[in-house]
Amino acid sequence: REMDQMQYDRASWLFTEAILLDPTGTCGTDESGFAYKSRGRISFIQNNAAAALKDYDKYVELNPSSPEGYTERGVIYGKGKDYNSAIANFVKAIYYDPQYARAYNGRGSTYALKKEYEKGIADFNRAIELNPNYAQPYNNRGNAYILVGEYDKAVEDFSRALALNPS
């Protein structure tokens, strides 16, 4: 509830207390590490990458075959410009769930940051194929199309992204 109301400090404290009571961090769910994942999300929102990464590392330790933890670590590494670590985490996420569109989108974004636009576009294509209602890969592919000079395709993608998510 606190997270939904953006009371992040209180939510983080509650997750910490839950972890102290149960180091598996299930927090009343059936998901090991739920409290670590949630506290990691809060730390990321609050621009504390080191704390977020520590919690996602624990989440991955508790859920080694879950693509979500690897994807979140990939996002953190990418934001920190450690592109090789980001890609390695997205690759692991895809290994554990080849249908996980967020991992393809994240890896595509990382390739685009590395100026490997064709690889990025291929990953955005796959993310869109897996989830045609996911706006972010359209937006990201539009940005990549601009960088390779394909402006008509960029406009199409931005229009589709806006249709899916006007905000």
C-alpha atoms as a PDB file:
ATOM      1  CA  ARG A   1       0.000   0.000   0.000  1.00  0.00           C
ATOM      2  CA  GLU A   2       2.788   2.435   0.874  1.00  0.00           C
ATOM      3  CA  MET A   3       4.434   1.872  -2.518  1.00  0.00           C
ATOM      4  CA  ASP A   4       1.155   2.604  -4.287  1.00  0.00           C
ATOM      5  CA  GLN A   5       0.948   5.855  -2.349  1.00  0.00           C
ATOM      6  CA  MET A   6       4.611   6.663  -3.077  1.00  0.00           C
ATOM      7  CA  GLN A   7       5.534   6.510   0.596  1.00  0.00           C
ATOM      8  CA  TYR A   8       8.840   4.965  -0.390  1.00  0.00           C
ATOM      9  CA  ASP A   9      10.797   5.490   2.828  1.00  0.00           C
ATOM     10  CA  ARG A  10       8.072   3.850   4.884  1.00  0.00           C
ATOM     11  CA  ALA A  11       7.646   1.031   2.361  1.00  0.00           C
ATOM     12  CA  SER A  12      11.398   0.398   2.346  1.00  0.00           C
ATOM     13  CA  TRP A  13      11.424   0.294   6.140  1.00  0.00           C
ATOM     14  CA  LEU A  14       8.505  -2.172   6.145  1.00  0.00           C
ATOM     15  CA  PHE A  15      10.273  -4.450   3.660  1.00  0.00           C
ATOM     16  CA  THR A  16      13.423  -4.288   5.786  1.00  0.00           C
ATOM     17  CA  GLU A  17      11.417  -5.283   8.853  1.00  0.00           C
ATOM     18  CA  ALA A  18       9.809  -8.142   6.915  1.00  0.00           C
ATOM     19  CA  ILE A  19      13.253  -9.382   5.841  1.00  0.00           C
ATOM     20  CA  LEU A  20      14.426  -9.307   9.462  1.00  0.00           C
ATOM     21  CA  LEU A  21      11.480 -11.512  10.403  1.00  0.00           C
ATOM     22  CA  ASP A  22      11.878 -13.810   7.394  1.00  0.00           C
ATOM     23  CA  PRO A  23      15.195 -13.710   5.488  1.00  0.00           C
ATOM     24  CA  THR A  24      13.568 -15.420   2.478  1.00  0.00           C
ATOM     25  CA  GLY A  25      11.663 -12.174   1.995  1.00  0.00           C
ATOM     26  CA  THR A  26       8.391 -13.810   0.997  1.00  0.00           C
ATOM     27  CA  CYS A  27       6.515 -11.059   2.828  1.00  0.00           C
ATOM     28  CA  GLY A  28       3.275 -13.056   2.956  1.00  0.00           C
ATOM     29  CA  THR A  29       3.406 -13.999  -0.744  1.00  0.00           C
ATOM     30  CA  ASP A  30       4.366 -17.253  -2.434  1.00  0.00           C
ATOM     31  CA  GLU A  31       7.405 -15.560  -4.029  1.00  0.00           C
ATOM     32  CA  SER A  32      10.783 -15.943  -2.368  1.00  0.00           C
ATOM     33  CA  GLY A  33      12.580 -12.618  -2.320  1.00  0.00           C
ATOM     34  CA  PHE A  34       9.481 -10.492  -2.880  1.00  0.00           C
ATOM     35  CA  ALA A  35      10.612  -8.025  -0.195  1.00  0.00           C
ATOM     36  CA  TYR A  36      14.100  -7.762  -1.737  1.00  0.00           C
ATOM     37  CA  LYS A  37      12.645  -7.160  -5.203  1.00  0.00           C
ATOM     38  CA  SER A  38      10.251  -4.529  -3.875  1.00  0.00           C
ATOM     39  CA  ARG A  39      12.880  -2.755  -1.802  1.00  0.00           C
ATOM     40  CA  GLY A  40      15.209  -2.872  -4.815  1.00  0.00           C
ATOM     41  CA  ARG A  41      12.544  -1.165  -6.922  1.00  0.00           C
ATOM     42  CA  ILE A  42      12.230   1.568  -4.290  1.00  0.00           C
ATOM     43  CA  SER A  43      16.004   2.071  -4.157  1.00  0.00           C
ATOM     44  CA  PHE A  44      16.106   2.353  -7.946  1.00  0.00           C
ATOM     45  CA  ILE A  45      13.284   4.924  -7.925  1.00  0.00           C
ATOM     46  CA  GLN A  46      15.242   6.864  -5.305  1.00  0.00           C
ATOM     47  CA  ASN A  47      18.400   6.754  -7.485  1.00  0.00           C
ATOM     48  CA  ASN A  48      20.305   4.460  -5.139  1.00  0.00           C
ATOM     49  CA  ALA A  49      21.667   2.006  -7.695  1.00  0.00           C
ATOM     50  CA  ALA A  50      24.058   0.293  -5.267  1.00  0.00           C
ATOM     51  CA  ALA A  51      21.273  -0.576  -2.815  1.00  0.00           C
ATOM     52  CA  ALA A  52      18.943  -1.612  -5.636  1.00  0.00           C
ATOM     53  CA  LEU A  53      21.578  -3.879  -7.132  1.00  0.00           C
ATOM     54  CA  LYS A  54      22.286  -5.488  -3.755  1.00  0.00           C
ATOM     55  CA  ASP A  55      18.586  -6.303  -3.315  1.00  0.00           C
ATOM     56  CA  TYR A  56      18.198  -7.611  -6.867  1.00  0.00           C
ATOM     57  CA  ASP A  57      21.305  -9.758  -6.353  1.00  0.00           C
ATOM     58  CA  LYS A  58      19.582 -11.327  -3.353  1.00  0.00           C
ATOM     59  CA  TYR A  59      16.363 -11.706  -5.327  1.00  0.00           C
ATOM     60  CA  VAL A  60      18.265 -13.517  -8.107  1.00  0.00           C
ATOM     61  CA  GLU A  61      19.985 -15.723  -5.510  1.00  0.00           C
ATOM     62  CA  LEU A  62      16.549 -16.738  -4.187  1.00  0.00           C
ATOM     63  CA  ASN A  63      14.987 -16.991  -7.686  1.00  0.00           C
ATOM     64  CA  PRO A  64      17.805 -18.017 -10.032  1.00  0.00           C
ATOM     65  CA  SER A  65      15.498 -18.929 -12.922  1.00  0.00           C
ATOM     66  CA  SER A  66      13.270 -15.834 -12.758  1.00  0.00           C
ATOM     67  CA  PRO A  67      13.866 -13.402 -15.642  1.00  0.00           C
ATOM     68  CA  GLU A  68      12.629 -10.411 -13.651  1.00  0.00           C
ATOM     69  CA  GLY A  69      15.651 -10.057 -11.376  1.00  0.00           C
ATOM     70  CA  TYR A  70      18.113 -10.310 -14.258  1.00  0.00           C
ATOM     71  CA  THR A  71      16.128  -7.748 -16.239  1.00  0.00           C
ATOM     72  CA  GLU A  72      16.106  -5.289 -13.354  1.00  0.00           C
ATOM     73  CA  ARG A  73      19.845  -5.772 -12.846  1.00  0.00           C
ATOM     74  CA  GLY A  74      20.320  -5.182 -16.566  1.00  0.00           C
ATOM     75  CA  VAL A  75      18.444  -1.897 -16.328  1.00  0.00           C
ATOM     76  CA  ILE A  76      20.600  -0.789 -13.383  1.00  0.00           C
ATOM     77  CA  TYR A  77      23.841  -1.740 -15.122  1.00  0.00           C
ATOM     78  CA  GLY A  78      22.705   0.011 -18.284  1.00  0.00           C
ATOM     79  CA  LYS A  79      21.879   3.192 -16.399  1.00  0.00           C
ATOM     80  CA  GLY A  80      25.376   3.009 -14.904  1.00  0.00           C
ATOM     81  CA  LYS A  81      26.853   2.602 -18.422  1.00  0.00           C
ATOM     82  CA  ASP A  82      28.174  -0.886 -17.693  1.00  0.00           C
ATOM     83  CA  TYR A  83      26.728  -2.098 -20.970  1.00  0.00           C
ATOM     84  CA  ASN A  84      28.426  -5.489 -21.036  1.00  0.00           C
ATOM     85  CA  SER A  85      27.020  -6.412 -17.616  1.00  0.00           C
ATOM     86  CA  ALA A  86      23.625  -5.089 -18.685  1.00  0.00           C
ATOM     87  CA  ILE A  87      23.591  -7.247 -21.815  1.00  0.00           C
ATOM     88  CA  ALA A  88      24.779 -10.300 -19.863  1.00  0.00           C
ATOM     89  CA  ASN A  89      21.838  -9.922 -17.473  1.00  0.00           C
ATOM     90  CA  PHE A  90      19.319  -9.450 -20.284  1.00  0.00           C
ATOM     91  CA  VAL A  91      20.737 -12.554 -21.983  1.00  0.00           C
ATOM     92  CA  LYS A  92      20.182 -14.548 -18.766  1.00  0.00           C
ATOM     93  CA  ALA A  93      16.625 -13.240 -18.489  1.00  0.00           C
ATOM     94  CA  ILE A  94      15.946 -14.310 -22.071  1.00  0.00           C
ATOM     95  CA  TYR A  95      17.528 -17.695 -21.403  1.00  0.00           C
ATOM     96  CA  TYR A  96      15.128 -18.320 -18.519  1.00  0.00           C
ATOM     97  CA  ASP A  97      12.115 -16.912 -20.383  1.00  0.00           C
ATOM     98  CA  PRO A  98      12.455 -16.507 -24.150  1.00  0.00           C
ATOM     99  CA  GLN A  99       8.997 -14.875 -24.167  1.00  0.00           C
ATOM    100  CA  TYR A 100       9.915 -12.036 -21.751  1.00  0.00           C
ATOM    101  CA  ALA A 101       9.467  -8.900 -23.859  1.00  0.00           C
ATOM    102  CA  ARG A 102      10.964  -6.558 -21.237  1.00  0.00           C
ATOM    103  CA  ALA A 103      14.318  -8.322 -21.478  1.00  0.00           C
ATOM    104  CA  TYR A 104      14.431  -7.923 -25.262  1.00  0.00           C
ATOM    105  CA  ASN A 105      13.460  -4.267 -24.900  1.00  0.00           C
ATOM    106  CA  GLY A 106      16.179  -3.724 -22.294  1.00  0.00           C
ATOM    107  CA  ARG A 107      18.831  -5.472 -24.336  1.00  0.00           C
ATOM    108  CA  GLY A 108      17.747  -3.532 -27.421  1.00  0.00           C
ATOM    109  CA  SER A 109      18.078  -0.262 -25.512  1.00  0.00           C
ATOM    110  CA  THR A 110      21.546  -1.253 -24.371  1.00  0.00           C
ATOM    111  CA  TYR A 111      22.615  -2.135 -27.912  1.00  0.00           C
ATOM    112  CA  ALA A 112      21.312   1.243 -29.076  1.00  0.00           C
ATOM    113  CA  LEU A 113      23.357   2.991 -26.375  1.00  0.00           C
ATOM    114  CA  LYS A 114      26.387   1.091 -27.685  1.00  0.00           C
ATOM    115  CA  LYS A 115      25.500   2.418 -31.171  1.00  0.00           C
ATOM    116  CA  GLU A 116      24.730  -1.131 -32.343  1.00  0.00           C
ATOM    117  CA  TYR A 117      21.440   0.040 -33.802  1.00  0.00           C
ATOM    118  CA  GLU A 118      20.627  -2.965 -35.978  1.00  0.00           C
ATOM    119  CA  LYS A 119      20.969  -5.318 -33.010  1.00  0.00           C
ATOM    120  CA  GLY A 120      18.806  -2.958 -30.971  1.00  0.00           C
ATOM    121  CA  ILE A 121      16.142  -2.788 -33.664  1.00  0.00           C
ATOM    122  CA  ALA A 122      16.117  -6.604 -33.907  1.00  0.00           C
ATOM    123  CA  ASP A 123      15.497  -6.854 -30.152  1.00  0.00           C
ATOM    124  CA  PHE A 124      12.767  -4.186 -30.254  1.00  0.00           C
ATOM    125  CA  ASN A 125      11.153  -6.142 -33.101  1.00  0.00           C
ATOM    126  CA  ARG A 126      11.181  -9.278 -30.945  1.00  0.00           C
ATOM    127  CA  ALA A 127       9.744  -7.433 -27.931  1.00  0.00           C
ATOM    128  CA  ILE A 128       6.935  -6.069 -30.120  1.00  0.00           C
ATOM    129  CA  GLU A 129       6.307  -9.498 -31.636  1.00  0.00           C
ATOM    130  CA  LEU A 130       5.978 -10.960 -28.125  1.00  0.00           C
ATOM    131  CA  ASN A 131       3.812  -8.128 -26.789  1.00  0.00           C
ATOM    132  CA  PRO A 132       2.318  -5.848 -29.463  1.00  0.00           C
ATOM    133  CA  ASN A 133       0.612  -3.741 -26.772  1.00  0.00           C
ATOM    134  CA  TYR A 134       3.885  -2.830 -25.016  1.00  0.00           C
ATOM    135  CA  ALA A 135       4.522   0.834 -25.892  1.00  0.00           C
ATOM    136  CA  GLN A 136       8.150   1.162 -24.809  1.00  0.00           C
ATOM    137  CA  PRO A 137       9.785  -0.921 -27.557  1.00  0.00           C
ATOM    138  CA  TYR A 138       7.928   1.117 -30.202  1.00  0.00           C
ATOM    139  CA  ASN A 139       9.303   4.303 -28.665  1.00  0.00           C
ATOM    140  CA  ASN A 140      12.800   2.852 -28.381  1.00  0.00           C
ATOM    141  CA  ARG A 141      12.750   1.491 -31.916  1.00  0.00           C
ATOM    142  CA  GLY A 142      11.568   4.901 -33.118  1.00  0.00           C
ATOM    143  CA  ASN A 143      14.619   6.488 -31.491  1.00  0.00           C
ATOM    144  CA  ALA A 144      16.884   3.907 -33.136  1.00  0.00           C
ATOM    145  CA  TYR A 145      15.250   4.531 -36.514  1.00  0.00           C
ATOM    146  CA  ILE A 146      16.031   8.240 -36.171  1.00  0.00           C
ATOM    147  CA  LEU A 147      19.676   7.421 -35.505  1.00  0.00           C
ATOM    148  CA  VAL A 148      19.885   5.297 -38.667  1.00  0.00           C
ATOM    149  CA  GLY A 149      18.018   7.903 -40.748  1.00  0.00           C
ATOM    150  CA  GLU A 150      14.727   6.012 -41.200  1.00  0.00           C
ATOM    151  CA  TYR A 151      12.458   8.885 -40.239  1.00  0.00           C
ATOM    152  CA  ASP A 152       9.189   7.544 -41.681  1.00  0.00           C
ATOM    153  CA  LYS A 153       9.553   4.359 -39.651  1.00  0.00           C
ATOM    154  CA  ALA A 154      10.357   6.450 -36.573  1.00  0.00           C
ATOM    155  CA  VAL A 155       7.155   8.475 -36.977  1.00  0.00           C
ATOM    156  CA  GLU A 156       5.136   5.255 -37.336  1.00  0.00           C
ATOM    157  CA  ASP A 157       6.656   3.836 -34.167  1.00  0.00           C
ATOM    158  CA  PHE A 158       6.185   7.019 -32.144  1.00  0.00           C
ATOM    159  CA  SER A 159       2.561   7.182 -33.310  1.00  0.00           C
ATOM    160  CA  ARG A 160       1.989   3.577 -32.244  1.00  0.00           C
ATOM    161  CA  ALA A 161       3.675   4.176 -28.873  1.00  0.00           C
ATOM    162  CA  LEU A 162       1.450   7.204 -28.260  1.00  0.00           C
ATOM    163  CA  ALA A 163      -1.668   5.261 -29.267  1.00  0.00           C
ATOM    164  CA  LEU A 164      -0.770   2.569 -26.731  1.00  0.00           C
ATOM    165  CA  ASN A 165       0.319   4.946 -23.991  1.00  0.00           C
ATOM    166  CA  PRO A 166      -0.646   8.609 -24.464  1.00  0.00           C
ATOM    167  CA  SER A 167       1.345   9.700 -21.417  1.00  0.00           C
END
